[in-house]
């Protein structure tokens, strides 16, 4: 990650191609953070289970805490059985799975977010059964967040500034720029929903 003169640059993970840099205007990131503040509401603290160097980590563990005025509380500092319902835990499928295995009897009645890879439906259901209010976010380094859902086996609702040109292309409604999606999806049921194809 590098930042200068109202631009911010991230490295892609390299999971679908060679790792490379992607540069966004700071306003691009700010727009997503403003949407996230509305979505998550009041936040008492943000607990990162991800590194801050990716676009996901930056948005949720640096930019969102600053915008929301919420402190970042590292996992070693957290009393997990005393979390506020307004705490937000930021994780990936791997870190959520590890948290559940390491604290099998724990109920977490707070907010959570998961991204970077598909969250398996059984794990999603298990996390909800622990009391967590969990949002799964679909996105990429090139696009930031694209869609979200609040339950397993449901479609992802598009963030309000994205529309589809076709099943493989997104349009940024603020700029008119287009982005190609790497995943095979279906948008047949509603124009503002994403369904992954098997």
N, C-alpha and C. Protein backbone atom coordinates (compact mmCIF):
# COMPACT_ATOMS: atom_id res chain seq x y z
N UNK A 1 0.85 -1.19 0.00
CA UNK A 1 0.00 0.00 0.00
C UNK A 1 0.88 1.23 0.00
N UNK A 2 0.58 2.21 -0.83
CA UNK A 2 1.31 3.48 -0.85
C UNK A 2 0.31 4.59 -1.07
N UNK A 3 0.54 5.73 -0.44
CA UNK A 3 -0.41 6.83 -0.53
C UNK A 3 0.33 8.13 -0.75
N UNK A 4 -0.06 8.93 -1.76
CA UNK A 4 0.48 10.25 -1.95
C UNK A 4 -0.47 11.05 -2.82
N UNK A 5 -0.55 12.34 -2.59
CA UNK A 5 -1.32 13.30 -3.39
C UNK A 5 -2.70 12.79 -3.78
N UNK A 6 -3.50 12.43 -2.78
CA UNK A 6 -4.90 12.05 -2.96
C UNK A 6 -5.07 10.78 -3.78
N UNK A 7 -4.04 9.96 -3.87
CA UNK A 7 -4.15 8.64 -4.48
C UNK A 7 -3.64 7.60 -3.50
N UNK A 8 -4.15 6.39 -3.65
CA UNK A 8 -3.71 5.30 -2.78
C UNK A 8 -3.54 4.05 -3.64
N UNK A 9 -2.43 3.35 -3.44
CA UNK A 9 -2.07 2.21 -4.27
C UNK A 9 -2.00 0.95 -3.44
N UNK A 10 -2.58 -0.14 -3.95
CA UNK A 10 -2.58 -1.44 -3.28
C UNK A 10 -1.99 -2.48 -4.21
N UNK A 11 -1.49 -3.56 -3.63
CA UNK A 11 -1.08 -4.72 -4.39
C UNK A 11 -2.22 -5.74 -4.39
N UNK A 12 -2.48 -6.33 -5.55
CA UNK A 12 -3.45 -7.42 -5.60
C UNK A 12 -2.84 -8.65 -4.92
N UNK A 13 -3.71 -9.60 -4.56
CA UNK A 13 -3.25 -10.78 -3.85
C UNK A 13 -2.54 -11.77 -4.74
N UNK A 14 -2.81 -11.72 -6.05
CA UNK A 14 -2.20 -12.67 -6.96
C UNK A 14 -2.93 -13.99 -7.04
N UNK A 15 -4.14 -14.07 -6.52
CA UNK A 15 -4.87 -15.35 -6.53
C UNK A 15 -5.42 -15.70 -7.90
N UNK A 16 -5.69 -14.69 -8.74
CA UNK A 16 -6.23 -14.97 -10.07
C UNK A 16 -5.24 -14.63 -11.18
N UNK A 17 -4.14 -14.00 -10.86
CA UNK A 17 -3.15 -13.60 -11.85
C UNK A 17 -1.89 -13.21 -11.09
N UNK A 18 -0.89 -12.71 -11.78
CA UNK A 18 0.30 -12.21 -11.09
C UNK A 18 -0.08 -11.01 -10.24
N UNK A 19 0.53 -10.92 -9.06
CA UNK A 19 0.28 -9.75 -8.20
C UNK A 19 0.73 -8.48 -8.92
N UNK A 20 -0.08 -7.43 -8.79
CA UNK A 20 0.24 -6.16 -9.44
C UNK A 20 -0.32 -5.03 -8.61
N UNK A 21 0.00 -3.80 -8.98
CA UNK A 21 -0.49 -2.66 -8.23
C UNK A 21 -1.77 -2.12 -8.86
N UNK A 22 -2.64 -1.60 -8.00
CA UNK A 22 -3.88 -0.94 -8.42
C UNK A 22 -3.96 0.38 -7.66
N UNK A 23 -4.11 1.47 -8.40
CA UNK A 23 -4.16 2.80 -7.78
C UNK A 23 -5.58 3.36 -7.86
N UNK A 24 -6.06 3.88 -6.73
CA UNK A 24 -7.38 4.52 -6.67
C UNK A 24 -7.21 5.96 -6.20
N UNK A 25 -8.13 6.80 -6.60
CA UNK A 25 -8.22 8.13 -6.00
C UNK A 25 -8.70 7.97 -4.55
N UNK A 26 -8.22 8.83 -3.68
CA UNK A 26 -8.66 8.74 -2.29
C UNK A 26 -10.18 8.90 -2.18
N UNK A 27 -10.76 9.68 -3.07
CA UNK A 27 -12.21 9.87 -3.05
C UNK A 27 -12.94 8.55 -3.30
N UNK A 28 -12.34 7.65 -4.07
CA UNK A 28 -12.92 6.33 -4.33
C UNK A 28 -13.05 5.55 -3.02
N UNK A 29 -11.98 5.57 -2.21
CA UNK A 29 -12.00 4.89 -0.92
C UNK A 29 -12.96 5.60 0.05
N UNK A 30 -12.95 6.93 0.03
CA UNK A 30 -13.81 7.69 0.95
C UNK A 30 -15.28 7.38 0.69
N UNK A 31 -15.65 7.22 -0.56
CA UNK A 31 -17.04 6.91 -0.89
C UNK A 31 -17.47 5.60 -0.26
N UNK A 32 -16.61 4.59 -0.34
CA UNK A 32 -16.96 3.30 0.26
C UNK A 32 -17.04 3.40 1.77
N UNK A 33 -16.12 4.13 2.38
CA UNK A 33 -16.13 4.28 3.83
C UNK A 33 -17.41 4.97 4.28
N UNK A 34 -17.86 5.98 3.55
CA UNK A 34 -19.11 6.66 3.91
C UNK A 34 -20.29 5.69 3.85
N UNK A 35 -20.30 4.82 2.84
CA UNK A 35 -21.37 3.81 2.77
C UNK A 35 -21.27 2.83 3.93
N UNK A 36 -20.06 2.42 4.27
CA UNK A 36 -19.88 1.47 5.37
C UNK A 36 -20.32 2.07 6.70
N UNK A 37 -20.07 3.34 6.90
CA UNK A 37 -20.52 4.00 8.14
C UNK A 37 -22.04 3.92 8.25
N UNK A 38 -22.74 4.14 7.14
CA UNK A 38 -24.20 4.03 7.17
C UNK A 38 -24.64 2.60 7.42
N UNK A 39 -23.97 1.65 6.78
CA UNK A 39 -24.37 0.25 6.90
C UNK A 39 -24.19 -0.27 8.32
N UNK A 40 -23.03 0.00 8.93
CA UNK A 40 -22.73 -0.57 10.25
C UNK A 40 -23.24 0.29 11.40
N UNK A 41 -23.55 1.55 11.15
CA UNK A 41 -24.06 2.40 12.21
C UNK A 41 -23.00 2.73 13.25
N UNK A 42 -23.44 2.97 14.47
CA UNK A 42 -22.53 3.34 15.54
C UNK A 42 -21.57 2.19 15.86
N UNK A 43 -20.29 2.51 15.95
CA UNK A 43 -19.26 1.51 16.25
C UNK A 43 -18.50 1.92 17.50
N UNK A 44 -18.40 0.99 18.45
CA UNK A 44 -17.67 1.28 19.69
C UNK A 44 -16.18 0.99 19.57
N UNK A 45 -15.82 0.01 18.74
CA UNK A 45 -14.42 -0.30 18.45
C UNK A 45 -14.38 -1.21 17.24
N UNK A 46 -13.20 -1.31 16.64
CA UNK A 46 -12.99 -2.18 15.48
C UNK A 46 -11.84 -3.11 15.79
N UNK A 47 -12.07 -4.41 15.61
CA UNK A 47 -11.10 -5.44 15.96
C UNK A 47 -10.59 -6.10 14.69
N UNK A 48 -9.34 -5.87 14.30
CA UNK A 48 -8.84 -6.42 13.05
C UNK A 48 -8.30 -7.84 13.21
N UNK A 49 -8.81 -8.74 12.39
CA UNK A 49 -8.24 -10.08 12.26
C UNK A 49 -7.60 -10.22 10.89
N UNK A 50 -7.26 -9.09 10.28
CA UNK A 50 -6.66 -9.04 8.94
C UNK A 50 -5.54 -8.00 8.96
N UNK A 51 -4.54 -8.13 8.07
CA UNK A 51 -3.53 -7.09 7.94
C UNK A 51 -4.11 -5.86 7.26
N UNK A 52 -3.52 -4.72 7.50
CA UNK A 52 -4.04 -3.46 6.97
C UNK A 52 -3.54 -3.13 5.58
N UNK A 53 -2.65 -3.94 5.01
CA UNK A 53 -2.00 -3.57 3.76
C UNK A 53 -2.87 -3.77 2.53
N UNK A 54 -3.88 -4.64 2.58
CA UNK A 54 -4.77 -4.85 1.43
C UNK A 54 -5.82 -3.75 1.41
N UNK A 55 -6.57 -3.67 0.30
CA UNK A 55 -7.63 -2.67 0.24
C UNK A 55 -8.69 -2.96 1.30
N UNK A 56 -8.99 -4.24 1.51
CA UNK A 56 -9.96 -4.63 2.55
C UNK A 56 -9.47 -4.20 3.92
N UNK A 57 -8.23 -4.52 4.24
CA UNK A 57 -7.68 -4.14 5.53
C UNK A 57 -7.62 -2.63 5.71
N UNK A 58 -7.21 -1.93 4.67
CA UNK A 58 -7.13 -0.46 4.77
C UNK A 58 -8.50 0.15 5.03
N UNK A 59 -9.50 -0.25 4.23
CA UNK A 59 -10.82 0.37 4.37
C UNK A 59 -11.43 0.13 5.74
N UNK A 60 -11.29 -1.10 6.27
CA UNK A 60 -12.01 -1.47 7.48
C UNK A 60 -11.20 -1.25 8.76
N UNK A 61 -9.87 -1.23 8.69
CA UNK A 61 -9.10 -1.12 9.93
C UNK A 61 -8.28 0.17 10.02
N UNK A 62 -8.29 0.99 8.97
CA UNK A 62 -7.65 2.31 9.03
C UNK A 62 -8.66 3.41 8.71
N UNK A 63 -9.23 3.35 7.50
CA UNK A 63 -10.11 4.43 7.07
C UNK A 63 -11.42 4.48 7.84
N UNK A 64 -12.07 3.32 8.02
CA UNK A 64 -13.35 3.30 8.74
C UNK A 64 -13.21 3.72 10.20
N UNK A 65 -12.22 3.23 10.94
CA UNK A 65 -12.06 3.71 12.32
C UNK A 65 -11.87 5.22 12.41
N UNK A 66 -11.09 5.78 11.48
CA UNK A 66 -10.89 7.23 11.49
C UNK A 66 -12.19 7.97 11.20
N UNK A 67 -12.94 7.50 10.20
CA UNK A 67 -14.18 8.18 9.84
C UNK A 67 -15.25 8.04 10.91
N UNK A 68 -15.29 6.88 11.57
CA UNK A 68 -16.33 6.61 12.57
C UNK A 68 -15.92 7.07 13.96
N UNK A 69 -14.67 7.49 14.13
CA UNK A 69 -14.21 7.86 15.46
C UNK A 69 -14.18 6.68 16.42
N UNK A 70 -13.91 5.49 15.87
CA UNK A 70 -13.90 4.27 16.67
C UNK A 70 -12.47 3.79 16.87
N UNK A 71 -12.08 3.46 18.09
CA UNK A 71 -10.72 2.97 18.31
C UNK A 71 -10.51 1.58 17.71
N UNK A 72 -9.27 1.29 17.33
CA UNK A 72 -8.90 -0.04 16.89
C UNK A 72 -8.41 -0.82 18.12
N UNK A 73 -9.01 -1.96 18.38
CA UNK A 73 -8.65 -2.80 19.52
C UNK A 73 -8.07 -4.10 18.99
N UNK A 74 -6.82 -4.38 19.25
CA UNK A 74 -6.20 -5.58 18.71
C UNK A 74 -6.67 -6.81 19.49
N UNK A 75 -6.70 -7.97 18.83
CA UNK A 75 -7.27 -9.17 19.45
C UNK A 75 -6.71 -9.49 20.83
N UNK A 76 -5.42 -9.25 21.03
CA UNK A 76 -4.82 -9.55 22.34
C UNK A 76 -5.35 -8.65 23.45
N UNK A 77 -5.99 -7.55 23.08
CA UNK A 77 -6.51 -6.60 24.06
C UNK A 77 -7.99 -6.82 24.38
N UNK A 78 -8.62 -7.73 23.65
CA UNK A 78 -10.09 -7.86 23.70
C UNK A 78 -10.53 -8.86 24.75
N UNK A 79 -11.54 -8.49 25.54
CA UNK A 79 -12.26 -9.43 26.40
C UNK A 79 -13.41 -9.98 25.56
N UNK A 80 -13.22 -11.13 24.94
CA UNK A 80 -14.14 -11.62 23.93
C UNK A 80 -15.54 -11.88 24.48
N UNK A 81 -15.64 -12.23 25.74
CA UNK A 81 -16.97 -12.51 26.31
C UNK A 81 -17.66 -11.25 26.81
N UNK A 82 -17.03 -10.09 26.62
CA UNK A 82 -17.62 -8.83 27.08
C UNK A 82 -17.72 -7.80 25.96
N UNK A 83 -17.72 -8.24 24.71
CA UNK A 83 -17.75 -7.31 23.59
C UNK A 83 -19.09 -6.58 23.52
N UNK A 84 -19.01 -5.31 23.18
CA UNK A 84 -20.21 -4.52 22.93
C UNK A 84 -20.88 -4.99 21.65
N UNK A 85 -22.20 -4.83 21.59
CA UNK A 85 -22.91 -5.17 20.36
C UNK A 85 -22.53 -4.24 19.21
N UNK A 86 -21.88 -3.12 19.52
CA UNK A 86 -21.43 -2.19 18.50
C UNK A 86 -19.96 -2.35 18.14
N UNK A 87 -19.31 -3.37 18.67
CA UNK A 87 -17.95 -3.69 18.22
C UNK A 87 -18.03 -4.34 16.84
N UNK A 88 -17.05 -4.06 15.99
CA UNK A 88 -17.00 -4.65 14.65
C UNK A 88 -15.72 -5.47 14.52
N UNK A 89 -15.86 -6.77 14.26
CA UNK A 89 -14.73 -7.66 14.04
C UNK A 89 -14.54 -7.82 12.54
N UNK A 90 -13.32 -7.60 12.07
CA UNK A 90 -13.01 -7.63 10.65
C UNK A 90 -12.19 -8.88 10.36
N UNK A 91 -12.75 -9.82 9.57
CA UNK A 91 -12.05 -11.07 9.35
C UNK A 91 -12.16 -11.59 7.94
N UNK A 92 -11.58 -12.76 7.73
CA UNK A 92 -11.66 -13.51 6.49
C UNK A 92 -12.26 -14.88 6.82
N UNK A 93 -12.63 -15.67 5.84
CA UNK A 93 -13.11 -17.02 6.18
C UNK A 93 -12.11 -17.79 7.04
N UNK A 94 -10.82 -17.66 6.75
CA UNK A 94 -9.81 -18.38 7.53
C UNK A 94 -9.76 -17.89 8.97
N UNK A 95 -9.73 -16.57 9.18
CA UNK A 95 -9.61 -16.06 10.55
C UNK A 95 -10.89 -16.28 11.34
N UNK A 96 -12.05 -16.21 10.68
CA UNK A 96 -13.30 -16.52 11.39
C UNK A 96 -13.33 -17.97 11.82
N UNK A 97 -12.90 -18.87 10.94
CA UNK A 97 -12.87 -20.29 11.28
C UNK A 97 -11.91 -20.54 12.44
N UNK A 98 -10.75 -19.89 12.41
CA UNK A 98 -9.78 -20.06 13.49
C UNK A 98 -10.34 -19.54 14.81
N UNK A 99 -11.02 -18.40 14.78
CA UNK A 99 -11.60 -17.84 16.00
C UNK A 99 -12.62 -18.79 16.60
N UNK A 100 -13.46 -19.39 15.77
CA UNK A 100 -14.47 -20.30 16.27
C UNK A 100 -13.85 -21.58 16.85
N UNK A 101 -12.80 -22.07 16.21
CA UNK A 101 -12.14 -23.29 16.72
C UNK A 101 -11.40 -23.01 18.02
N UNK A 102 -10.81 -21.83 18.15
CA UNK A 102 -10.01 -21.54 19.34
C UNK A 102 -10.87 -21.18 20.54
N UNK A 103 -12.12 -20.77 20.32
CA UNK A 103 -13.04 -20.43 21.42
C UNK A 103 -14.39 -21.08 21.16
N UNK A 104 -14.48 -22.40 21.27
CA UNK A 104 -15.68 -23.13 20.82
C UNK A 104 -16.95 -22.79 21.57
N UNK A 105 -16.87 -22.36 22.82
CA UNK A 105 -18.09 -22.07 23.57
C UNK A 105 -18.48 -20.62 23.57
N UNK A 106 -17.78 -19.80 22.79
CA UNK A 106 -17.97 -18.36 22.87
C UNK A 106 -19.17 -17.90 22.04
N UNK A 107 -20.02 -17.08 22.64
CA UNK A 107 -21.06 -16.37 21.91
C UNK A 107 -20.61 -14.93 21.73
N UNK A 108 -20.68 -14.45 20.51
CA UNK A 108 -20.20 -13.09 20.19
C UNK A 108 -21.38 -12.27 19.70
N UNK A 109 -21.95 -11.47 20.56
CA UNK A 109 -23.12 -10.68 20.19
C UNK A 109 -22.68 -9.28 19.76
N UNK A 110 -21.91 -9.26 18.68
CA UNK A 110 -21.42 -8.00 18.14
C UNK A 110 -21.56 -8.04 16.63
N UNK A 111 -20.93 -7.09 15.95
CA UNK A 111 -20.99 -7.02 14.50
C UNK A 111 -19.72 -7.63 13.92
N UNK A 112 -19.84 -8.17 12.72
CA UNK A 112 -18.68 -8.73 12.05
C UNK A 112 -18.78 -8.50 10.56
N UNK A 113 -17.62 -8.58 9.89
CA UNK A 113 -17.57 -8.48 8.44
C UNK A 113 -16.56 -9.51 7.95
N UNK A 114 -16.83 -10.08 6.78
CA UNK A 114 -15.96 -11.09 6.19
C UNK A 114 -15.80 -10.81 4.71
N UNK A 115 -14.56 -10.91 4.21
CA UNK A 115 -14.31 -10.73 2.79
C UNK A 115 -13.01 -11.44 2.43
N UNK A 116 -12.56 -11.24 1.19
CA UNK A 116 -11.33 -11.74 0.55
C UNK A 116 -11.51 -13.10 -0.10
N UNK A 117 -12.49 -13.89 0.30
CA UNK A 117 -12.76 -15.20 -0.28
C UNK A 117 -14.19 -15.59 0.09
N UNK A 118 -14.81 -16.50 -0.64
CA UNK A 118 -16.18 -16.92 -0.29
C UNK A 118 -16.24 -17.52 1.11
N UNK A 119 -17.24 -17.11 1.86
CA UNK A 119 -17.47 -17.65 3.20
C UNK A 119 -18.37 -18.88 3.07
N UNK A 120 -17.88 -20.07 3.43
CA UNK A 120 -18.72 -21.27 3.30
C UNK A 120 -20.03 -21.12 4.07
N UNK A 121 -21.12 -21.54 3.45
CA UNK A 121 -22.43 -21.38 4.08
C UNK A 121 -22.52 -22.03 5.46
N UNK A 122 -21.97 -23.24 5.69
CA UNK A 122 -22.05 -23.80 7.04
C UNK A 122 -21.32 -22.96 8.09
N UNK A 123 -20.16 -22.40 7.71
CA UNK A 123 -19.45 -21.54 8.65
C UNK A 123 -20.24 -20.26 8.90
N UNK A 124 -20.82 -19.70 7.85
CA UNK A 124 -21.64 -18.49 8.01
C UNK A 124 -22.78 -18.77 8.99
N UNK A 125 -23.48 -19.89 8.80
CA UNK A 125 -24.59 -20.23 9.69
C UNK A 125 -24.12 -20.44 11.12
N UNK A 126 -22.97 -21.06 11.29
CA UNK A 126 -22.43 -21.28 12.63
C UNK A 126 -22.11 -19.98 13.33
N UNK A 127 -21.55 -19.04 12.59
CA UNK A 127 -21.22 -17.73 13.18
C UNK A 127 -22.48 -16.99 13.60
N UNK A 128 -23.50 -17.05 12.77
CA UNK A 128 -24.77 -16.40 13.14
C UNK A 128 -25.38 -17.05 14.37
N UNK A 129 -25.21 -18.37 14.50
CA UNK A 129 -25.78 -19.07 15.66
C UNK A 129 -25.07 -18.68 16.95
N UNK A 130 -23.88 -18.12 16.84
CA UNK A 130 -23.15 -17.65 18.03
C UNK A 130 -23.61 -16.26 18.46
N UNK A 131 -24.53 -15.66 17.72
CA UNK A 131 -25.03 -14.34 18.07
C UNK A 131 -24.46 -13.21 17.25
N UNK A 132 -23.55 -13.53 16.33
CA UNK A 132 -22.88 -12.50 15.54
C UNK A 132 -23.81 -11.94 14.47
N UNK A 133 -23.78 -10.63 14.26
CA UNK A 133 -24.45 -9.99 13.13
C UNK A 133 -23.39 -9.81 12.05
N UNK A 134 -23.38 -10.72 11.08
CA UNK A 134 -22.24 -10.83 10.16
C UNK A 134 -22.61 -10.41 8.74
N UNK A 135 -21.82 -9.50 8.19
CA UNK A 135 -21.95 -9.06 6.81
C UNK A 135 -20.83 -9.66 5.98
N UNK A 136 -21.18 -10.33 4.90
CA UNK A 136 -20.18 -10.81 3.96
C UNK A 136 -20.11 -9.84 2.78
N UNK A 137 -18.90 -9.45 2.42
CA UNK A 137 -18.69 -8.47 1.35
C UNK A 137 -17.97 -9.12 0.19
N UNK A 138 -18.50 -8.91 -1.00
CA UNK A 138 -17.85 -9.35 -2.23
C UNK A 138 -17.19 -8.15 -2.89
N UNK A 139 -15.94 -8.30 -3.28
CA UNK A 139 -15.24 -7.21 -3.94
C UNK A 139 -13.88 -7.66 -4.45
N UNK A 140 -13.07 -6.70 -4.85
CA UNK A 140 -11.74 -6.97 -5.38
C UNK A 140 -10.88 -5.73 -5.19
N UNK A 141 -9.59 -5.88 -5.36
CA UNK A 141 -8.70 -4.74 -5.24
C UNK A 141 -9.05 -3.67 -6.27
N UNK A 142 -9.45 -4.10 -7.45
CA UNK A 142 -9.76 -3.14 -8.52
C UNK A 142 -11.03 -2.36 -8.26
N UNK A 143 -11.96 -2.95 -7.52
CA UNK A 143 -13.28 -2.34 -7.35
C UNK A 143 -13.58 -1.88 -5.94
N UNK A 144 -12.83 -2.36 -4.95
CA UNK A 144 -13.28 -2.22 -3.58
C UNK A 144 -14.50 -3.10 -3.38
N UNK A 145 -15.33 -2.75 -2.42
CA UNK A 145 -16.54 -3.53 -2.18
C UNK A 145 -17.54 -3.37 -3.32
N UNK A 146 -18.18 -4.48 -3.70
CA UNK A 146 -19.16 -4.47 -4.78
C UNK A 146 -20.55 -4.80 -4.26
N UNK A 147 -20.65 -5.82 -3.41
CA UNK A 147 -21.95 -6.23 -2.89
C UNK A 147 -21.82 -6.82 -1.51
N UNK A 148 -22.94 -6.93 -0.81
CA UNK A 148 -22.93 -7.51 0.53
C UNK A 148 -24.18 -8.34 0.75
N UNK A 149 -24.08 -9.23 1.73
CA UNK A 149 -25.24 -10.00 2.16
C UNK A 149 -25.15 -10.21 3.67
N UNK A 150 -26.28 -10.51 4.28
CA UNK A 150 -26.38 -10.64 5.74
C UNK A 150 -26.75 -12.05 6.17
N UNK A 151 -26.80 -13.00 5.24
CA UNK A 151 -27.17 -14.37 5.58
C UNK A 151 -26.62 -15.30 4.51
N UNK A 152 -26.35 -16.57 4.86
CA UNK A 152 -25.89 -17.53 3.85
C UNK A 152 -27.01 -17.89 2.88
N UNK A 153 -26.62 -18.44 1.74
CA UNK A 153 -27.57 -18.89 0.72
C UNK A 153 -28.49 -17.79 0.22
N UNK A 154 -27.99 -16.56 0.23
CA UNK A 154 -28.75 -15.42 -0.30
C UNK A 154 -27.87 -14.68 -1.30
N UNK A 155 -28.50 -13.82 -2.09
CA UNK A 155 -27.77 -13.03 -3.07
C UNK A 155 -27.05 -11.86 -2.40
N UNK A 156 -26.03 -11.38 -3.07
CA UNK A 156 -25.34 -10.16 -2.64
C UNK A 156 -26.05 -8.96 -3.24
N UNK A 157 -26.38 -7.99 -2.39
CA UNK A 157 -26.97 -6.74 -2.86
C UNK A 157 -25.84 -5.78 -3.24
N UNK A 158 -25.93 -5.18 -4.42
CA UNK A 158 -24.91 -4.26 -4.88
C UNK A 158 -24.81 -3.02 -3.97
N UNK A 159 -23.59 -2.53 -3.78
CA UNK A 159 -23.41 -1.22 -3.17
C UNK A 159 -24.12 -0.20 -4.07
N UNK A 160 -24.61 0.91 -3.51
CA UNK A 160 -25.54 1.78 -4.25
C UNK A 160 -24.94 2.46 -5.47
N UNK A 161 -23.63 2.53 -5.58
CA UNK A 161 -23.01 3.24 -6.70
C UNK A 161 -22.53 2.30 -7.81
N UNK A 162 -22.87 1.02 -7.72
CA UNK A 162 -22.53 0.07 -8.78
C UNK A 162 -23.79 -0.36 -9.53
N UNK A 163 -23.67 -0.53 -10.84
CA UNK A 163 -24.71 -1.13 -11.66
C UNK A 163 -24.02 -2.12 -12.61
N UNK A 164 -24.81 -2.98 -13.24
CA UNK A 164 -24.26 -3.94 -14.18
C UNK A 164 -24.42 -3.45 -15.62
N UNK A 165 -23.34 -3.58 -16.38
CA UNK A 165 -23.46 -3.45 -17.83
C UNK A 165 -23.88 -4.79 -18.42
N UNK A 166 -23.29 -5.86 -17.91
CA UNK A 166 -23.68 -7.23 -18.22
C UNK A 166 -23.17 -8.10 -17.08
N UNK A 167 -23.30 -9.41 -17.19
CA UNK A 167 -22.95 -10.30 -16.08
C UNK A 167 -21.46 -10.33 -15.78
N UNK A 168 -20.64 -9.76 -16.64
CA UNK A 168 -19.19 -9.76 -16.42
C UNK A 168 -18.61 -8.38 -16.20
N UNK A 169 -19.46 -7.33 -16.26
CA UNK A 169 -18.95 -5.96 -16.22
C UNK A 169 -19.77 -5.08 -15.30
N UNK A 170 -19.07 -4.37 -14.42
CA UNK A 170 -19.69 -3.39 -13.54
C UNK A 170 -19.49 -1.98 -14.08
N UNK A 171 -20.44 -1.11 -13.80
CA UNK A 171 -20.31 0.30 -14.13
C UNK A 171 -20.36 1.11 -12.84
N UNK A 172 -19.38 1.98 -12.65
CA UNK A 172 -19.38 2.93 -11.54
C UNK A 172 -20.32 4.06 -11.92
N UNK A 173 -21.45 4.17 -11.23
CA UNK A 173 -22.47 5.14 -11.60
C UNK A 173 -22.03 6.57 -11.37
N UNK A 174 -21.00 6.80 -10.57
CA UNK A 174 -20.50 8.16 -10.34
C UNK A 174 -19.55 8.62 -11.43
N UNK A 175 -18.76 7.70 -11.99
CA UNK A 175 -17.74 8.08 -12.97
C UNK A 175 -18.00 7.54 -14.37
N UNK A 176 -18.82 6.49 -14.48
CA UNK A 176 -19.03 5.84 -15.76
C UNK A 176 -17.96 4.84 -16.13
N UNK A 177 -16.96 4.66 -15.28
CA UNK A 177 -15.90 3.70 -15.55
C UNK A 177 -16.44 2.28 -15.43
N UNK A 178 -15.89 1.37 -16.23
CA UNK A 178 -16.31 -0.02 -16.19
C UNK A 178 -15.20 -0.89 -15.61
N UNK A 179 -15.60 -2.00 -14.98
CA UNK A 179 -14.68 -2.94 -14.37
C UNK A 179 -15.13 -4.35 -14.72
N UNK A 180 -14.19 -5.18 -15.17
CA UNK A 180 -14.51 -6.57 -15.48
C UNK A 180 -14.41 -7.40 -14.22
N UNK A 181 -15.39 -8.29 -13.99
CA UNK A 181 -15.40 -9.18 -12.84
C UNK A 181 -14.68 -10.47 -13.18
N UNK A 182 -13.93 -11.01 -12.21
CA UNK A 182 -13.20 -12.24 -12.41
C UNK A 182 -14.07 -13.47 -12.17
N UNK A 183 -15.18 -13.30 -11.43
CA UNK A 183 -16.02 -14.44 -11.06
C UNK A 183 -17.17 -14.63 -12.03
N UNK A 184 -17.61 -15.87 -12.13
CA UNK A 184 -18.79 -16.19 -12.95
C UNK A 184 -20.03 -15.98 -12.09
N UNK A 185 -20.86 -15.03 -12.48
CA UNK A 185 -22.03 -14.68 -11.67
C UNK A 185 -23.28 -14.64 -12.53
N UNK A 186 -24.42 -14.59 -11.86
CA UNK A 186 -25.71 -14.42 -12.52
C UNK A 186 -26.40 -13.20 -11.93
N UNK A 187 -27.02 -12.39 -12.76
CA UNK A 187 -27.77 -11.23 -12.28
C UNK A 187 -29.23 -11.33 -12.72
N UNK A 188 -29.70 -12.56 -12.96
CA UNK A 188 -30.99 -12.75 -13.63
C UNK A 188 -32.18 -12.35 -12.78
N UNK A 189 -32.12 -12.57 -11.45
CA UNK A 189 -33.33 -12.37 -10.64
C UNK A 189 -33.64 -10.89 -10.44
N UNK A 190 -32.64 -10.12 -10.09
CA UNK A 190 -32.82 -8.68 -9.93
C UNK A 190 -31.56 -7.99 -10.42
N UNK A 191 -31.66 -6.82 -11.02
CA UNK A 191 -30.47 -6.15 -11.55
C UNK A 191 -29.46 -5.76 -10.48
N UNK A 192 -29.89 -5.64 -9.24
CA UNK A 192 -28.98 -5.20 -8.19
C UNK A 192 -28.51 -6.35 -7.30
N UNK A 193 -28.58 -7.59 -7.80
CA UNK A 193 -28.16 -8.73 -7.00
C UNK A 193 -27.09 -9.52 -7.73
N UNK A 194 -26.23 -10.19 -6.95
CA UNK A 194 -25.19 -11.05 -7.49
C UNK A 194 -25.44 -12.46 -6.99
N UNK A 195 -25.49 -13.42 -7.90
CA UNK A 195 -25.57 -14.82 -7.57
C UNK A 195 -24.36 -15.51 -8.19
N UNK A 196 -23.60 -16.25 -7.38
CA UNK A 196 -22.44 -16.96 -7.91
C UNK A 196 -22.89 -18.24 -8.59
N UNK A 197 -22.28 -18.52 -9.75
CA UNK A 197 -22.58 -19.73 -10.49
C UNK A 197 -21.61 -20.83 -10.09
N UNK A 198 -22.10 -22.04 -9.97
CA UNK A 198 -21.24 -23.16 -9.62
C UNK A 198 -20.55 -23.71 -10.87
